[in-house]
Protein backbone atom coordinates (compact mmCIF):
# COMPACT_ATOMS: atom_id res chain seq x y z
CA MET A 1 -13.83 69.39 -53.33
CA ARG A 2 -13.25 68.54 -49.45
CA LYS A 3 -12.98 65.28 -48.19
CA ALA A 4 -15.33 64.23 -45.32
CA LYS A 5 -13.53 62.76 -42.33
CA LEU A 6 -14.87 59.87 -40.48
CA PRO A 7 -15.05 60.20 -36.73
CA VAL A 8 -12.48 57.75 -34.93
CA VAL A 9 -13.39 56.79 -31.36
CA GLY A 10 -11.36 54.42 -29.28
CA GLY A 11 -10.00 52.47 -32.35
CA VAL A 12 -13.53 52.24 -34.13
CA VAL A 13 -14.43 54.05 -37.13
CA LEU A 14 -17.92 55.11 -37.07
CA LEU A 15 -19.84 54.91 -40.10
CA ALA A 16 -23.42 56.49 -40.97
CA ALA A 17 -23.94 57.72 -37.59
CA GLY A 18 -22.92 54.72 -35.66
CA LEU A 19 -24.83 51.95 -37.37
CA THR A 20 -21.61 50.13 -38.83
CA ALA A 21 -18.40 49.75 -36.65
CA VAL A 22 -15.44 48.30 -37.71
CA GLN A 23 -12.78 47.28 -35.32
CA THR A 24 -9.49 46.34 -35.98
CA TRP A 25 -7.32 43.72 -34.05
CA THR A 26 -3.53 42.79 -34.10
CA ALA A 27 -2.95 39.43 -33.89
CA LEU A 28 -0.52 38.15 -31.12
CA ALA A 29 1.35 34.60 -31.47
CA ASP A 30 3.84 33.00 -29.28
CA ASP A 31 5.41 29.46 -30.04
CA THR A 32 6.04 26.67 -27.54
CA THR A 33 8.77 24.24 -28.29
CA THR A 34 7.71 21.05 -26.79
CA THR A 35 9.33 17.79 -26.31
CA PHE A 36 8.95 14.23 -24.89
CA GLU A 37 11.26 11.35 -24.16
CA VAL A 38 10.81 7.92 -25.27
CA SER A 39 12.50 5.70 -22.52
CA ALA A 40 14.91 2.80 -23.28
CA GLY A 41 14.43 -0.33 -21.23
CA PRO A 42 16.18 -3.72 -21.16
CA LEU A 43 16.58 -6.79 -23.35
CA THR A 44 15.66 -9.62 -21.18
CA VAL A 45 14.90 -13.44 -21.06
CA ASP A 46 12.90 -15.32 -18.44
CA ALA A 47 12.71 -18.83 -18.42
CA PRO A 48 10.86 -21.35 -15.86
CA ALA A 49 12.85 -21.56 -12.45
CA ALA A 50 12.48 -25.50 -12.88
CA ALA A 51 11.32 -28.16 -14.88
CA ALA A 52 10.63 -32.03 -14.43
CA ILE A 53 10.54 -33.41 -17.94
CA GLY A 54 9.49 -37.08 -17.29
CA ALA A 55 11.16 -40.33 -16.52
CA GLY A 56 12.53 -43.22 -18.60
CA ALA A 57 14.87 -46.42 -18.31
CA PRO A 58 18.42 -46.72 -19.59
CA ASP A 59 18.74 -46.72 -23.46
CA THR A 60 15.60 -44.74 -24.02
CA ALA A 61 14.57 -41.14 -24.80
CA VAL A 62 12.78 -38.80 -22.20
CA ASP A 63 11.01 -35.88 -23.86
CA GLY A 64 9.56 -33.18 -22.09
CA SER A 65 8.76 -29.29 -22.40
CA LEU A 66 10.70 -26.74 -20.45
CA GLY A 67 7.74 -24.43 -20.49
CA PRO A 68 7.59 -20.89 -21.99
CA VAL A 69 10.68 -19.02 -22.39
CA THR A 70 10.16 -15.38 -23.41
CA VAL A 71 12.28 -12.57 -24.57
CA THR A 72 11.32 -9.31 -24.09
CA ASP A 73 13.20 -6.20 -25.97
CA GLU A 74 12.49 -3.08 -24.54
CA ARG A 75 15.47 -0.83 -25.98
CA ALA A 76 13.13 1.02 -28.18
CA SER A 77 16.17 0.80 -30.76
CA ALA A 78 16.19 1.56 -34.38
CA ASP A 79 17.07 -2.18 -35.17
CA GLY A 80 15.32 -4.55 -32.72
CA SER A 81 17.64 -7.45 -33.75
CA TRP A 82 18.57 -10.03 -30.98
CA VAL A 83 19.66 -13.66 -30.76
CA ALA A 84 18.63 -15.94 -27.92
CA SER A 85 20.98 -18.83 -27.22
CA VAL A 86 21.02 -21.98 -24.84
CA THR A 87 23.50 -24.03 -22.95
CA ALA A 88 23.35 -26.74 -20.54
CA THR A 89 25.30 -28.30 -17.75
CA ASN A 90 25.91 -32.01 -17.48
CA PHE A 91 22.95 -33.56 -15.59
CA THR A 92 23.93 -35.82 -12.57
CA THR A 93 22.51 -37.94 -9.79
CA GLY A 94 24.27 -39.26 -6.46
CA ALA A 95 28.00 -38.75 -6.74
CA ALA A 96 28.16 -37.73 -10.14
CA THR A 97 30.11 -40.83 -11.23
CA ALA A 98 30.38 -41.67 -14.82
CA PRO A 99 26.98 -43.99 -14.45
CA GLU A 100 25.38 -41.07 -12.58
CA THR A 101 25.97 -38.33 -15.52
CA THR A 102 24.36 -37.88 -18.52
CA LEU A 103 26.28 -35.11 -20.91
CA ALA A 104 24.99 -32.15 -22.12
CA SER A 105 25.44 -33.48 -25.57
CA GLU A 106 23.22 -36.48 -24.95
CA ILE A 107 20.65 -33.73 -24.49
CA ASP A 108 18.97 -32.67 -27.61
CA TYR A 109 16.99 -29.19 -27.63
CA TRP A 110 14.47 -27.90 -30.11
CA SER A 111 12.72 -24.50 -29.76
CA GLY A 112 9.76 -25.37 -31.49
CA PRO A 113 7.40 -22.42 -33.22
CA VAL A 114 6.85 -19.05 -31.73
CA THR A 115 3.77 -19.12 -29.63
CA ALA A 116 3.27 -15.48 -29.06
CA SER A 117 5.14 -12.16 -30.21
CA THR A 118 4.83 -8.54 -30.27
CA GLY A 119 6.27 -5.97 -32.21
CA ASP A 120 7.48 -6.07 -35.98
CA GLY A 121 10.63 -7.40 -37.63
CA THR A 122 11.07 -11.42 -38.27
CA PHE A 123 11.34 -14.15 -35.78
CA THR A 124 13.07 -17.27 -36.52
CA PRO A 125 13.13 -20.29 -34.46
CA GLY A 126 16.59 -22.15 -34.06
CA GLN A 127 14.62 -25.56 -34.31
CA VAL A 128 11.11 -25.10 -35.68
CA ALA A 129 10.49 -29.08 -35.30
CA ALA A 130 11.36 -32.11 -33.52
CA ALA A 131 13.28 -33.47 -36.71
CA ASN A 132 15.51 -30.07 -36.31
CA GLU A 133 16.82 -31.08 -32.70
CA VAL A 134 20.10 -30.46 -31.77
CA PRO A 135 22.67 -31.47 -28.75
CA LEU A 136 23.21 -29.09 -26.16
CA ASP A 137 26.60 -28.34 -25.24
CA THR A 138 28.24 -26.96 -21.89
CA THR A 139 30.24 -24.33 -23.75
CA THR A 140 28.94 -23.72 -27.44
CA PRO A 141 25.62 -21.84 -27.25
CA LEU A 142 22.85 -23.20 -29.56
CA THR A 143 20.82 -20.69 -31.30
CA ALA A 144 17.28 -20.82 -29.78
CA LEU A 145 15.42 -18.11 -31.71
CA THR A 146 16.51 -15.10 -33.58
CA HIS A 147 14.57 -11.64 -34.11
CA ALA A 148 15.80 -9.67 -37.05
CA GLY A 149 15.18 -6.02 -37.94
CA GLY A 150 11.88 -4.21 -36.72
CA THR A 151 11.85 -0.92 -34.57
CA GLY A 152 11.07 -0.17 -30.99
CA ASN A 153 10.14 -2.77 -28.64
CA ASN A 154 9.21 -6.61 -29.72
CA SER A 155 8.97 -9.64 -27.67
CA ALA A 156 8.61 -13.36 -28.27
CA THR A 157 7.83 -16.66 -26.37
CA TRP A 158 8.22 -20.24 -27.14
CA SER A 159 8.31 -23.50 -25.52
CA PRO A 160 11.11 -25.56 -26.20
CA THR A 161 11.46 -29.44 -25.72
CA LEU A 162 14.38 -31.41 -24.53
CA SER A 163 14.83 -35.07 -25.59
CA VAL A 164 17.35 -36.75 -23.27
CA ASN A 165 18.97 -39.89 -24.76
CA VAL A 166 19.55 -41.99 -21.44
CA PRO A 167 22.77 -43.63 -21.59
CA LEU A 168 22.71 -47.52 -21.36
CA ASP A 169 24.95 -47.56 -18.48
CA SER A 170 22.88 -44.89 -16.43
CA GLN A 171 22.14 -45.82 -12.70
CA ALA A 172 18.61 -45.01 -11.21
CA GLY A 173 18.33 -41.37 -9.69
CA THR A 174 16.61 -38.03 -10.17
CA TYR A 175 19.25 -36.27 -12.33
CA THR A 176 19.56 -32.53 -12.08
CA GLY A 177 21.45 -29.96 -14.52
CA THR A 178 20.88 -26.44 -15.78
CA VAL A 179 19.35 -25.39 -18.98
CA THR A 180 20.63 -21.76 -19.52
CA HIS A 181 18.92 -19.29 -22.26
CA SER A 182 20.57 -15.92 -22.81
CA VAL A 183 19.84 -13.02 -25.36
CA ALA A 184 22.27 -10.33 -26.64
C-alpha cells in the first residue's frame, strides 16, 4: 500500500483540492528591559517671613499665631521620619537694654495640632494644646513636630502660637526677634 502525498505549495498544505489550507507560522519574540527613576528631592521647612502677634502691658501675656509652618519631605525614602525644631532669639526694642529686652525663655511656644498632612506615617505635635506650651530657648531646640515611619513623600502643616510673658520692668516699644524653625 502506497501512501498518498499531499501537495505543499509555499508552506501551505493543500487538502481536498485546495478547499482547506493550513498555514504554519513561527512565533517571534523580543524583550525590552524597561526602567524608570523615582527622583529624590529635599526636606524643607517653610514659615511666614514676619508675624505681628499683638500688644500688651508689662506683666501681662501677649498671645498670637505665627501663621502656618509647613515641612515638605520630597526625599522619597524608605523611612520618611523627621523632626521639626524651633529656637528663638531674645526680643529687643530701642537700645536693647535690660528693660528693652524680652528673653526667649519668657516666650512660650506651642505647636498646636497638625492642620494638614499628606503621605503616611505618624505626625505628632510637640505641644498639642496651650496647656502644653514650653519656653523657647536661644540655643536648645524645642521639638515642634515629628513624623515617624511612612515611606515616600509626605508633608505637614501646623500653626504655632507664641505666648509672651511681658516682664514687669519692660519699656514701651515694638520688640523684634527671630523664631527659627528647622527640620532634620
